[in-house]
Amino acid sequence: MADGIQLTGRVEVMIQLAVGAGQLVKLGECLDMADVEDRAFYNNISGDRYGGPQGPPIDCQYLGSIYVVRCELSRWDPAVFDALKLRKANATAGKILLSEVGTLMLASNTFRLLLKSATRPLNFPTAILRDSLQFSMGTKFTSLSLQFECHRCPDGLTRGGADYSGILYNAVTTEYAT
């Protein structure tokens, strides 16, 4: 296969908050493009042959990966954003109850993130909104910056009747069945 210039085309940022029961809705479109980072995790193994823990590792173990997706949106739906920014952990916007502190996110508070493009869609069935949210306010158009952390689906997890165990991403663009 020959190398060439790659174009994914316009990307729509889609969210399914209540996975398996909710609608796949459009959050918005990027100002420029979505940045997608594959972040791998490793564990170094030390050995006396290279001086123990002070020396370089004799091997390393692959521990899995997550994807980090950063987007700056120039077109976005405020109602979808309001639902998303609750992070599925808070019941009321602008309020954090003491009972909500310590909520386990991957256990039951993930959502689906779909970067929908005509040529290379990326579907992340297990995403959380991580790190800071930034939005501008003023007389110029408002932009919204967010960062998602996408994890492999836990074993035994079904989405719309399909088994997604171990899936970090795929190219599914259709709504999950209820």
N, C-alpha and C. Protein backbone atom coordinates (compact mmCIF):
# COMPACT_ATOMS: atom_id res chain seq x y z
N MET A 1 0.85 -1.17 0.00
CA MET A 1 0.00 0.00 0.00
C MET A 1 0.89 1.23 0.00
N ALA A 2 0.57 2.18 -0.84
CA ALA A 2 1.37 3.40 -0.95
C ALA A 2 0.96 4.40 0.10
N ASP A 3 1.92 5.23 0.50
CA ASP A 3 1.59 6.29 1.45
C ASP A 3 0.89 7.42 0.71
N GLY A 4 0.22 8.26 1.47
CA GLY A 4 -0.49 9.37 0.87
C GLY A 4 -1.02 10.30 1.93
N ILE A 5 -1.58 11.38 1.51
CA ILE A 5 -2.17 12.34 2.43
C ILE A 5 -3.48 11.76 2.94
N GLN A 6 -3.65 11.79 4.25
CA GLN A 6 -4.84 11.21 4.88
C GLN A 6 -5.84 12.30 5.25
N LEU A 7 -7.09 12.12 4.87
CA LEU A 7 -8.16 13.06 5.19
C LEU A 7 -9.32 12.28 5.80
N THR A 8 -9.69 12.61 7.01
CA THR A 8 -10.86 11.95 7.60
C THR A 8 -12.13 12.71 7.31
N GLY A 9 -12.00 13.95 6.89
CA GLY A 9 -13.18 14.76 6.63
C GLY A 9 -13.72 15.36 7.91
N ARG A 10 -14.87 16.01 7.79
CA ARG A 10 -15.52 16.64 8.93
C ARG A 10 -15.82 15.59 9.99
N VAL A 11 -15.57 15.94 11.25
CA VAL A 11 -15.82 15.03 12.36
C VAL A 11 -16.94 15.59 13.23
N GLU A 12 -17.97 14.78 13.45
CA GLU A 12 -19.03 15.12 14.39
C GLU A 12 -18.73 14.40 15.69
N VAL A 13 -18.83 15.11 16.80
CA VAL A 13 -18.61 14.52 18.12
C VAL A 13 -19.99 14.11 18.65
N MET A 14 -20.17 12.79 18.76
CA MET A 14 -21.46 12.22 19.15
C MET A 14 -21.34 11.59 20.54
N ILE A 15 -22.42 11.65 21.31
CA ILE A 15 -22.45 11.14 22.68
C ILE A 15 -23.69 10.27 22.86
N GLN A 16 -23.54 9.18 23.56
CA GLN A 16 -24.69 8.39 24.02
C GLN A 16 -24.54 8.27 25.53
N LEU A 17 -25.29 9.12 26.25
CA LEU A 17 -25.15 9.20 27.71
C LEU A 17 -25.63 7.95 28.42
N ALA A 18 -26.85 7.52 28.13
CA ALA A 18 -27.39 6.32 28.75
C ALA A 18 -27.19 5.16 27.79
N VAL A 19 -25.98 4.61 27.82
CA VAL A 19 -25.62 3.58 26.85
C VAL A 19 -26.53 2.37 27.02
N GLY A 20 -27.08 1.92 25.90
CA GLY A 20 -27.99 0.79 25.92
C GLY A 20 -29.43 1.21 26.07
N ALA A 21 -29.66 2.48 26.41
CA ALA A 21 -31.03 2.94 26.59
C ALA A 21 -31.26 4.31 25.98
N GLY A 22 -30.21 5.10 25.82
CA GLY A 22 -30.37 6.47 25.35
C GLY A 22 -30.06 6.62 23.88
N GLN A 23 -30.35 7.81 23.39
CA GLN A 23 -30.10 8.14 22.00
C GLN A 23 -28.67 8.58 21.79
N LEU A 24 -28.16 8.31 20.62
CA LEU A 24 -26.87 8.84 20.19
C LEU A 24 -27.15 10.25 19.67
N VAL A 25 -26.57 11.26 20.33
CA VAL A 25 -26.86 12.65 19.97
C VAL A 25 -25.56 13.38 19.62
N LYS A 26 -25.72 14.40 18.82
CA LYS A 26 -24.57 15.19 18.39
C LYS A 26 -24.25 16.25 19.44
N LEU A 27 -23.03 16.18 19.98
CA LEU A 27 -22.56 17.23 20.88
C LEU A 27 -22.16 18.45 20.07
N GLY A 28 -21.41 18.23 18.98
CA GLY A 28 -21.01 19.36 18.15
C GLY A 28 -19.98 18.99 17.12
N GLU A 29 -19.35 20.05 16.57
CA GLU A 29 -18.31 19.90 15.56
C GLU A 29 -17.08 20.67 16.02
N CYS A 30 -15.93 20.15 15.65
CA CYS A 30 -14.66 20.74 16.08
C CYS A 30 -14.36 22.04 15.37
N LEU A 31 -13.69 22.93 16.09
CA LEU A 31 -13.20 24.17 15.52
C LEU A 31 -12.18 23.87 14.43
N ASP A 32 -11.30 22.92 14.70
CA ASP A 32 -10.27 22.54 13.74
C ASP A 32 -10.27 21.03 13.54
N MET A 33 -9.91 20.30 14.56
CA MET A 33 -9.88 18.85 14.47
C MET A 33 -9.85 18.27 15.87
N ALA A 34 -10.17 16.98 15.99
CA ALA A 34 -10.05 16.28 17.26
C ALA A 34 -8.65 15.67 17.34
N ASP A 35 -8.01 15.79 18.49
CA ASP A 35 -6.71 15.16 18.72
C ASP A 35 -6.93 13.87 19.47
N VAL A 36 -6.40 12.77 18.93
CA VAL A 36 -6.58 11.45 19.51
C VAL A 36 -5.21 10.88 19.87
N GLU A 37 -5.05 10.52 21.14
CA GLU A 37 -3.76 10.01 21.63
C GLU A 37 -3.95 8.60 22.17
N ASP A 38 -3.14 7.68 21.68
CA ASP A 38 -3.10 6.31 22.20
C ASP A 38 -2.02 6.29 23.28
N ARG A 39 -2.44 6.14 24.54
CA ARG A 39 -1.52 6.19 25.68
C ARG A 39 -1.35 4.79 26.26
N ALA A 40 -0.18 4.19 26.02
CA ALA A 40 0.11 2.84 26.51
C ALA A 40 0.76 2.90 27.89
N PHE A 41 0.55 1.85 28.68
CA PHE A 41 1.11 1.75 30.03
C PHE A 41 2.03 0.53 30.10
N TYR A 42 3.16 0.71 30.77
CA TYR A 42 4.16 -0.35 30.89
C TYR A 42 4.65 -0.44 32.33
N ASN A 43 5.13 -1.60 32.68
CA ASN A 43 5.75 -1.84 33.97
C ASN A 43 7.17 -2.33 33.72
N ASN A 44 8.16 -1.60 34.22
CA ASN A 44 9.55 -2.02 34.04
C ASN A 44 9.88 -3.18 34.96
N ILE A 45 10.70 -4.09 34.44
CA ILE A 45 11.18 -5.22 35.23
C ILE A 45 12.68 -5.04 35.41
N SER A 46 13.09 -4.88 36.65
CA SER A 46 14.52 -4.70 36.96
C SER A 46 15.20 -6.05 37.11
N GLY A 47 16.49 -6.04 36.97
CA GLY A 47 17.28 -7.27 37.16
C GLY A 47 18.71 -6.92 37.51
N ASP A 48 19.33 -7.81 38.23
CA ASP A 48 20.70 -7.59 38.69
C ASP A 48 21.68 -7.47 37.52
N ARG A 49 21.35 -8.06 36.38
CA ARG A 49 22.28 -8.00 35.23
C ARG A 49 22.54 -6.56 34.79
N TYR A 50 21.59 -5.64 35.06
CA TYR A 50 21.79 -4.23 34.70
C TYR A 50 21.82 -3.34 35.93
N GLY A 51 22.16 -3.89 37.07
CA GLY A 51 22.34 -3.08 38.27
C GLY A 51 21.11 -2.97 39.16
N GLY A 52 20.10 -3.79 38.96
CA GLY A 52 18.90 -3.75 39.80
C GLY A 52 18.01 -2.57 39.49
N PRO A 53 17.21 -2.12 40.48
CA PRO A 53 16.26 -1.04 40.25
C PRO A 53 16.90 0.28 39.82
N GLN A 54 18.20 0.47 40.11
CA GLN A 54 18.85 1.72 39.71
C GLN A 54 19.24 1.73 38.24
N GLY A 55 19.34 0.58 37.61
CA GLY A 55 19.76 0.49 36.22
C GLY A 55 18.58 0.42 35.26
N PRO A 56 18.87 0.28 33.98
CA PRO A 56 17.79 0.16 33.00
C PRO A 56 17.06 -1.17 33.18
N PRO A 57 15.81 -1.24 32.74
CA PRO A 57 15.07 -2.49 32.90
C PRO A 57 15.62 -3.60 32.00
N ILE A 58 15.45 -4.85 32.47
CA ILE A 58 15.84 -5.98 31.63
C ILE A 58 14.69 -6.36 30.69
N ASP A 59 13.50 -5.91 31.02
CA ASP A 59 12.33 -6.11 30.16
C ASP A 59 11.23 -5.17 30.66
N CYS A 60 10.14 -5.11 29.95
CA CYS A 60 8.99 -4.35 30.42
C CYS A 60 7.72 -5.07 30.00
N GLN A 61 6.69 -4.89 30.80
CA GLN A 61 5.40 -5.52 30.56
C GLN A 61 4.41 -4.50 30.03
N TYR A 62 3.69 -4.88 28.99
CA TYR A 62 2.61 -4.05 28.47
C TYR A 62 1.39 -4.26 29.36
N LEU A 63 0.79 -3.16 29.85
CA LEU A 63 -0.33 -3.23 30.79
C LEU A 63 -1.65 -2.75 30.20
N GLY A 64 -1.64 -2.42 28.94
CA GLY A 64 -2.87 -1.95 28.30
C GLY A 64 -2.74 -0.51 27.86
N SER A 65 -3.81 0.01 27.30
CA SER A 65 -3.83 1.37 26.76
C SER A 65 -5.14 2.05 27.08
N ILE A 66 -5.11 3.35 27.05
CA ILE A 66 -6.32 4.17 27.02
C ILE A 66 -6.16 5.13 25.84
N TYR A 67 -7.25 5.70 25.42
CA TYR A 67 -7.18 6.76 24.42
C TYR A 67 -7.61 8.05 25.08
N VAL A 68 -6.91 9.11 24.77
CA VAL A 68 -7.26 10.45 25.25
C VAL A 68 -7.67 11.25 24.02
N VAL A 69 -8.88 11.80 24.06
CA VAL A 69 -9.42 12.56 22.94
C VAL A 69 -9.64 14.00 23.41
N ARG A 70 -9.00 14.93 22.72
CA ARG A 70 -9.15 16.35 23.03
C ARG A 70 -9.85 17.03 21.86
N CYS A 71 -10.86 17.84 22.18
CA CYS A 71 -11.64 18.54 21.16
C CYS A 71 -11.85 19.98 21.56
N GLU A 72 -11.80 20.86 20.59
CA GLU A 72 -12.28 22.22 20.78
C GLU A 72 -13.40 22.41 19.78
N LEU A 73 -14.59 22.67 20.30
CA LEU A 73 -15.78 22.76 19.47
C LEU A 73 -16.16 24.22 19.23
N SER A 74 -16.50 24.52 17.98
CA SER A 74 -17.02 25.85 17.65
C SER A 74 -18.53 25.81 17.46
N ARG A 75 -19.06 24.61 17.18
CA ARG A 75 -20.51 24.38 17.11
C ARG A 75 -20.82 23.31 18.14
N TRP A 76 -21.73 23.60 19.04
CA TRP A 76 -22.08 22.60 20.05
C TRP A 76 -23.46 22.86 20.60
N ASP A 77 -24.06 21.79 21.10
CA ASP A 77 -25.41 21.83 21.64
C ASP A 77 -25.33 22.04 23.14
N PRO A 78 -25.81 23.18 23.66
CA PRO A 78 -25.70 23.46 25.09
C PRO A 78 -26.46 22.46 25.97
N ALA A 79 -27.57 21.90 25.49
CA ALA A 79 -28.33 20.93 26.28
C ALA A 79 -27.55 19.62 26.44
N VAL A 80 -26.90 19.18 25.38
CA VAL A 80 -26.08 17.96 25.45
C VAL A 80 -24.87 18.22 26.35
N PHE A 81 -24.26 19.41 26.23
CA PHE A 81 -23.13 19.75 27.08
C PHE A 81 -23.53 19.80 28.55
N ASP A 82 -24.70 20.38 28.85
CA ASP A 82 -25.16 20.45 30.24
C ASP A 82 -25.32 19.05 30.84
N ALA A 83 -25.83 18.12 30.06
CA ALA A 83 -25.97 16.74 30.54
C ALA A 83 -24.61 16.08 30.69
N LEU A 84 -23.71 16.34 29.75
CA LEU A 84 -22.38 15.73 29.77
C LEU A 84 -21.54 16.23 30.94
N LYS A 85 -21.62 17.52 31.24
CA LYS A 85 -20.75 18.08 32.28
C LYS A 85 -21.11 17.63 33.69
N LEU A 86 -22.25 16.99 33.86
CA LEU A 86 -22.58 16.38 35.14
C LEU A 86 -21.69 15.15 35.40
N ARG A 87 -21.04 14.67 34.34
CA ARG A 87 -20.14 13.52 34.41
C ARG A 87 -20.85 12.25 34.90
N LYS A 88 -22.16 12.24 34.82
CA LYS A 88 -23.00 11.13 35.27
C LYS A 88 -22.81 10.84 36.75
N ALA A 89 -22.08 11.67 37.47
CA ALA A 89 -21.82 11.45 38.89
C ALA A 89 -22.61 12.43 39.75
N ASN A 90 -23.01 13.56 39.17
CA ASN A 90 -23.70 14.60 39.93
C ASN A 90 -25.16 14.68 39.50
N ALA A 91 -26.05 14.79 40.44
CA ALA A 91 -27.48 14.85 40.14
C ALA A 91 -27.94 16.25 39.73
N THR A 92 -27.26 17.27 40.23
CA THR A 92 -27.69 18.64 40.01
C THR A 92 -26.52 19.48 39.49
N ALA A 93 -26.79 20.25 38.43
CA ALA A 93 -25.76 21.13 37.88
C ALA A 93 -25.31 22.14 38.92
N GLY A 94 -24.00 22.31 39.07
CA GLY A 94 -23.44 23.29 39.98
C GLY A 94 -23.44 22.87 41.44
N LYS A 95 -23.84 21.64 41.72
CA LYS A 95 -23.90 21.18 43.10
C LYS A 95 -23.28 19.78 43.20
N ILE A 96 -22.42 19.58 44.19
CA ILE A 96 -21.82 18.27 44.43
C ILE A 96 -22.21 17.84 45.83
N LEU A 97 -23.07 16.86 45.90
CA LEU A 97 -23.49 16.34 47.20
C LEU A 97 -22.36 15.53 47.81
N LEU A 98 -22.29 15.50 49.11
CA LEU A 98 -21.26 14.72 49.79
C LEU A 98 -21.36 13.25 49.39
N SER A 99 -22.56 12.75 49.18
CA SER A 99 -22.75 11.35 48.78
C SER A 99 -22.23 11.07 47.37
N GLU A 100 -22.02 12.11 46.56
CA GLU A 100 -21.52 11.93 45.20
C GLU A 100 -19.99 11.90 45.15
N VAL A 101 -19.35 12.39 46.18
CA VAL A 101 -17.88 12.38 46.24
C VAL A 101 -17.42 10.93 46.37
N GLY A 102 -16.51 10.53 45.53
CA GLY A 102 -16.00 9.16 45.56
C GLY A 102 -16.71 8.23 44.59
N THR A 103 -17.56 8.78 43.74
CA THR A 103 -18.29 7.97 42.76
C THR A 103 -17.31 7.22 41.86
N LEU A 104 -17.54 5.93 41.68
CA LEU A 104 -16.72 5.13 40.77
C LEU A 104 -17.18 5.39 39.34
N MET A 105 -16.30 5.88 38.52
CA MET A 105 -16.68 6.28 37.18
C MET A 105 -16.74 5.10 36.21
N LEU A 106 -15.73 4.26 36.18
CA LEU A 106 -15.71 3.18 35.20
C LEU A 106 -16.72 2.09 35.52
N ALA A 107 -17.08 1.96 36.78
CA ALA A 107 -18.02 0.91 37.18
C ALA A 107 -19.42 1.14 36.60
N SER A 108 -19.87 2.39 36.57
CA SER A 108 -21.25 2.59 36.11
C SER A 108 -21.53 3.99 35.56
N ASN A 109 -20.54 4.83 35.41
CA ASN A 109 -20.80 6.21 34.99
C ASN A 109 -20.09 6.60 33.71
N THR A 110 -19.89 5.65 32.84
CA THR A 110 -19.27 5.95 31.55
C THR A 110 -20.36 6.28 30.53
N PHE A 111 -19.94 6.78 29.40
CA PHE A 111 -20.83 7.02 28.29
C PHE A 111 -20.10 6.63 27.02
N ARG A 112 -20.78 6.68 25.91
CA ARG A 112 -20.20 6.33 24.62
C ARG A 112 -19.80 7.62 23.91
N LEU A 113 -18.60 7.62 23.33
CA LEU A 113 -18.10 8.74 22.53
C LEU A 113 -17.85 8.23 21.13
N LEU A 114 -18.41 8.91 20.15
CA LEU A 114 -18.22 8.55 18.75
C LEU A 114 -17.68 9.76 18.00
N LEU A 115 -16.50 9.61 17.40
CA LEU A 115 -15.97 10.61 16.49
C LEU A 115 -16.38 10.15 15.10
N LYS A 116 -17.44 10.73 14.62
CA LYS A 116 -18.07 10.25 13.38
C LYS A 116 -17.51 10.99 12.18
N SER A 117 -16.85 10.24 11.33
CA SER A 117 -16.35 10.79 10.07
C SER A 117 -16.69 9.81 8.96
N ALA A 118 -16.67 10.30 7.74
CA ALA A 118 -17.05 9.46 6.60
C ALA A 118 -16.03 8.36 6.32
N THR A 119 -14.76 8.62 6.63
CA THR A 119 -13.73 7.66 6.24
C THR A 119 -13.12 6.86 7.38
N ARG A 120 -12.99 7.43 8.58
CA ARG A 120 -12.34 6.74 9.69
C ARG A 120 -13.03 7.01 11.02
N PRO A 121 -14.25 6.52 11.20
CA PRO A 121 -14.92 6.77 12.48
C PRO A 121 -14.23 6.03 13.62
N LEU A 122 -14.28 6.64 14.80
CA LEU A 122 -13.75 6.01 16.01
C LEU A 122 -14.85 6.00 17.07
N ASN A 123 -15.22 4.82 17.50
CA ASN A 123 -16.27 4.63 18.50
C ASN A 123 -15.63 4.12 19.78
N PHE A 124 -15.83 4.85 20.87
CA PHE A 124 -15.30 4.47 22.18
C PHE A 124 -16.49 4.16 23.08
N PRO A 125 -16.80 2.89 23.33
CA PRO A 125 -17.98 2.53 24.13
C PRO A 125 -17.87 2.89 25.61
N THR A 126 -16.65 3.10 26.12
CA THR A 126 -16.47 3.37 27.55
C THR A 126 -15.60 4.61 27.72
N ALA A 127 -16.26 5.76 27.82
CA ALA A 127 -15.54 7.04 27.94
C ALA A 127 -16.00 7.78 29.19
N ILE A 128 -15.10 8.58 29.72
CA ILE A 128 -15.43 9.50 30.81
C ILE A 128 -14.89 10.89 30.43
N LEU A 129 -15.54 11.90 30.96
CA LEU A 129 -15.08 13.27 30.77
C LEU A 129 -14.03 13.52 31.84
N ARG A 130 -12.80 13.76 31.43
CA ARG A 130 -11.71 13.84 32.39
C ARG A 130 -11.00 15.18 32.25
N ASP A 131 -10.36 15.60 33.29
CA ASP A 131 -9.61 16.85 33.30
C ASP A 131 -10.54 18.05 33.17
N SER A 132 -9.99 19.16 32.74
CA SER A 132 -10.77 20.40 32.78
C SER A 132 -11.66 20.56 31.55
N LEU A 133 -12.72 21.28 31.76
CA LEU A 133 -13.58 21.76 30.68
C LEU A 133 -13.30 23.25 30.56
N GLN A 134 -13.25 23.73 29.35
CA GLN A 134 -13.04 25.16 29.15
C GLN A 134 -14.03 25.67 28.14
N PHE A 135 -14.66 26.78 28.44
CA PHE A 135 -15.51 27.43 27.45
C PHE A 135 -15.34 28.92 27.58
N SER A 136 -15.48 29.59 26.46
CA SER A 136 -15.30 31.04 26.44
C SER A 136 -16.64 31.72 26.60
N MET A 137 -16.59 32.96 27.09
CA MET A 137 -17.79 33.77 27.21
C MET A 137 -17.43 35.18 26.76
N GLY A 138 -18.24 35.76 25.92
CA GLY A 138 -17.97 37.11 25.45
C GLY A 138 -18.76 37.41 24.19
N THR A 139 -18.38 38.49 23.51
CA THR A 139 -19.13 38.92 22.34
C THR A 139 -18.81 38.11 21.09
N LYS A 140 -17.64 37.45 21.05
CA LYS A 140 -17.31 36.59 19.91
C LYS A 140 -17.96 35.23 20.12
N PHE A 141 -17.89 34.38 19.10
CA PHE A 141 -18.48 33.05 19.23
C PHE A 141 -17.84 32.29 20.39
N THR A 142 -18.61 31.43 21.00
CA THR A 142 -18.14 30.66 22.14
C THR A 142 -17.56 29.33 21.67
N SER A 143 -16.41 28.98 22.20
CA SER A 143 -15.83 27.67 21.90
C SER A 143 -15.82 26.85 23.18
N LEU A 144 -15.77 25.54 23.01
CA LEU A 144 -15.81 24.60 24.12
C LEU A 144 -14.66 23.61 23.96
N SER A 145 -13.82 23.50 24.98
CA SER A 145 -12.70 22.54 24.95
C SER A 145 -12.94 21.47 26.00
N LEU A 146 -12.81 20.22 25.59
CA LEU A 146 -12.98 19.11 26.53
C LEU A 146 -11.99 18.00 26.24
N GLN A 147 -11.80 17.18 27.25
CA GLN A 147 -10.89 16.04 27.12
C GLN A 147 -11.60 14.80 27.64
N PHE A 148 -11.63 13.78 26.82
CA PHE A 148 -12.24 12.52 27.18
C PHE A 148 -11.15 11.48 27.42
N GLU A 149 -11.40 10.58 28.35
CA GLU A 149 -10.51 9.45 28.59
C GLU A 149 -11.31 8.19 28.26
N CYS A 150 -10.81 7.40 27.33
CA CYS A 150 -11.54 6.24 26.84
C CYS A 150 -10.82 4.97 27.28
N HIS A 151 -11.57 4.07 27.90
CA HIS A 151 -11.02 2.84 28.48
C HIS A 151 -11.59 1.61 27.77
N ARG A 152 -10.94 0.47 27.96
CA ARG A 152 -11.48 -0.78 27.44
C ARG A 152 -12.74 -1.11 28.23
N CYS A 153 -13.70 -1.71 27.55
CA CYS A 153 -14.93 -2.10 28.24
C CYS A 153 -14.63 -3.21 29.23
N PRO A 154 -15.21 -3.13 30.42
CA PRO A 154 -15.01 -4.21 31.40
C PRO A 154 -15.54 -5.54 30.86
N ASP A 155 -14.97 -6.62 31.31
CA ASP A 155 -15.43 -7.95 30.90
C ASP A 155 -16.88 -8.14 31.31
N GLY A 156 -17.66 -8.74 30.42
CA GLY A 156 -19.07 -8.99 30.69
C GLY A 156 -19.98 -7.82 30.38
N LEU A 157 -19.42 -6.73 29.84
CA LEU A 157 -20.23 -5.55 29.56
C LEU A 157 -20.94 -5.70 28.22
N THR A 158 -22.22 -5.48 28.22
CA THR A 158 -22.98 -5.50 26.97
C THR A 158 -23.48 -4.09 26.69
N ARG A 159 -23.52 -3.77 25.42
CA ARG A 159 -24.03 -2.48 24.95
C ARG A 159 -25.07 -2.81 23.88
N GLY A 160 -26.32 -2.53 24.18
CA GLY A 160 -27.37 -2.79 23.20
C GLY A 160 -27.46 -4.24 22.80
N GLY A 161 -27.22 -5.15 23.73
CA GLY A 161 -27.32 -6.57 23.46
C GLY A 161 -26.07 -7.21 22.90
N ALA A 162 -25.07 -6.41 22.53
CA ALA A 162 -23.82 -6.95 22.00
C ALA A 162 -22.77 -6.97 23.11
N ASP A 163 -21.92 -7.99 23.09
CA ASP A 163 -20.85 -8.11 24.09
C ASP A 163 -19.67 -7.24 23.66
N TYR A 164 -19.34 -6.26 24.48
CA TYR A 164 -18.24 -5.36 24.19
C TYR A 164 -17.03 -5.59 25.09
N SER A 165 -16.98 -6.73 25.76
CA SER A 165 -15.87 -7.04 26.67
C SER A 165 -14.53 -6.80 25.99
N GLY A 166 -13.68 -6.00 26.63
CA GLY A 166 -12.34 -5.77 26.13
C GLY A 166 -12.22 -4.77 25.00
N ILE A 167 -13.31 -4.25 24.47
CA ILE A 167 -13.25 -3.30 23.34
C ILE A 167 -12.81 -1.94 23.85
N LEU A 168 -11.72 -1.44 23.30
CA LEU A 168 -11.27 -0.08 23.58
C LEU A 168 -11.89 0.88 22.55
N TYR A 169 -11.88 0.47 21.30
CA TYR A 169 -12.52 1.25 20.24
C TYR A 169 -12.87 0.33 19.09
N ASN A 170 -13.78 0.78 18.25
CA ASN A 170 -14.12 0.12 17.00
C ASN A 170 -14.68 1.18 16.05
N ALA A 171 -15.32 0.75 14.97
CA ALA A 171 -15.83 1.70 13.99
C ALA A 171 -17.35 1.72 13.91
N VAL A 172 -18.04 1.25 14.96
CA VAL A 172 -19.50 1.24 14.98
C VAL A 172 -20.04 2.67 15.01
N THR A 173 -20.90 3.01 14.06
CA THR A 173 -21.46 4.36 14.01
C THR A 173 -22.97 4.38 14.25
N THR A 174 -23.58 3.21 14.36
CA THR A 174 -25.02 3.16 14.58
C THR A 174 -25.35 3.22 16.06
N GLU A 175 -26.58 3.59 16.35
CA GLU A 175 -27.05 3.66 17.73
C GLU A 175 -27.12 2.25 18.30
N TYR A 176 -26.74 2.09 19.55
CA TYR A 176 -26.89 0.79 20.21
C TYR A 176 -28.36 0.53 20.42
N ALA A 177 -28.77 -0.69 20.21
CA ALA A 177 -30.17 -1.06 20.42
C ALA A 177 -30.51 -0.98 21.91
N THR A 178 -31.76 -0.72 22.20
CA THR A 178 -32.19 -0.66 23.60
C THR A 178 -32.70 -1.99 24.05
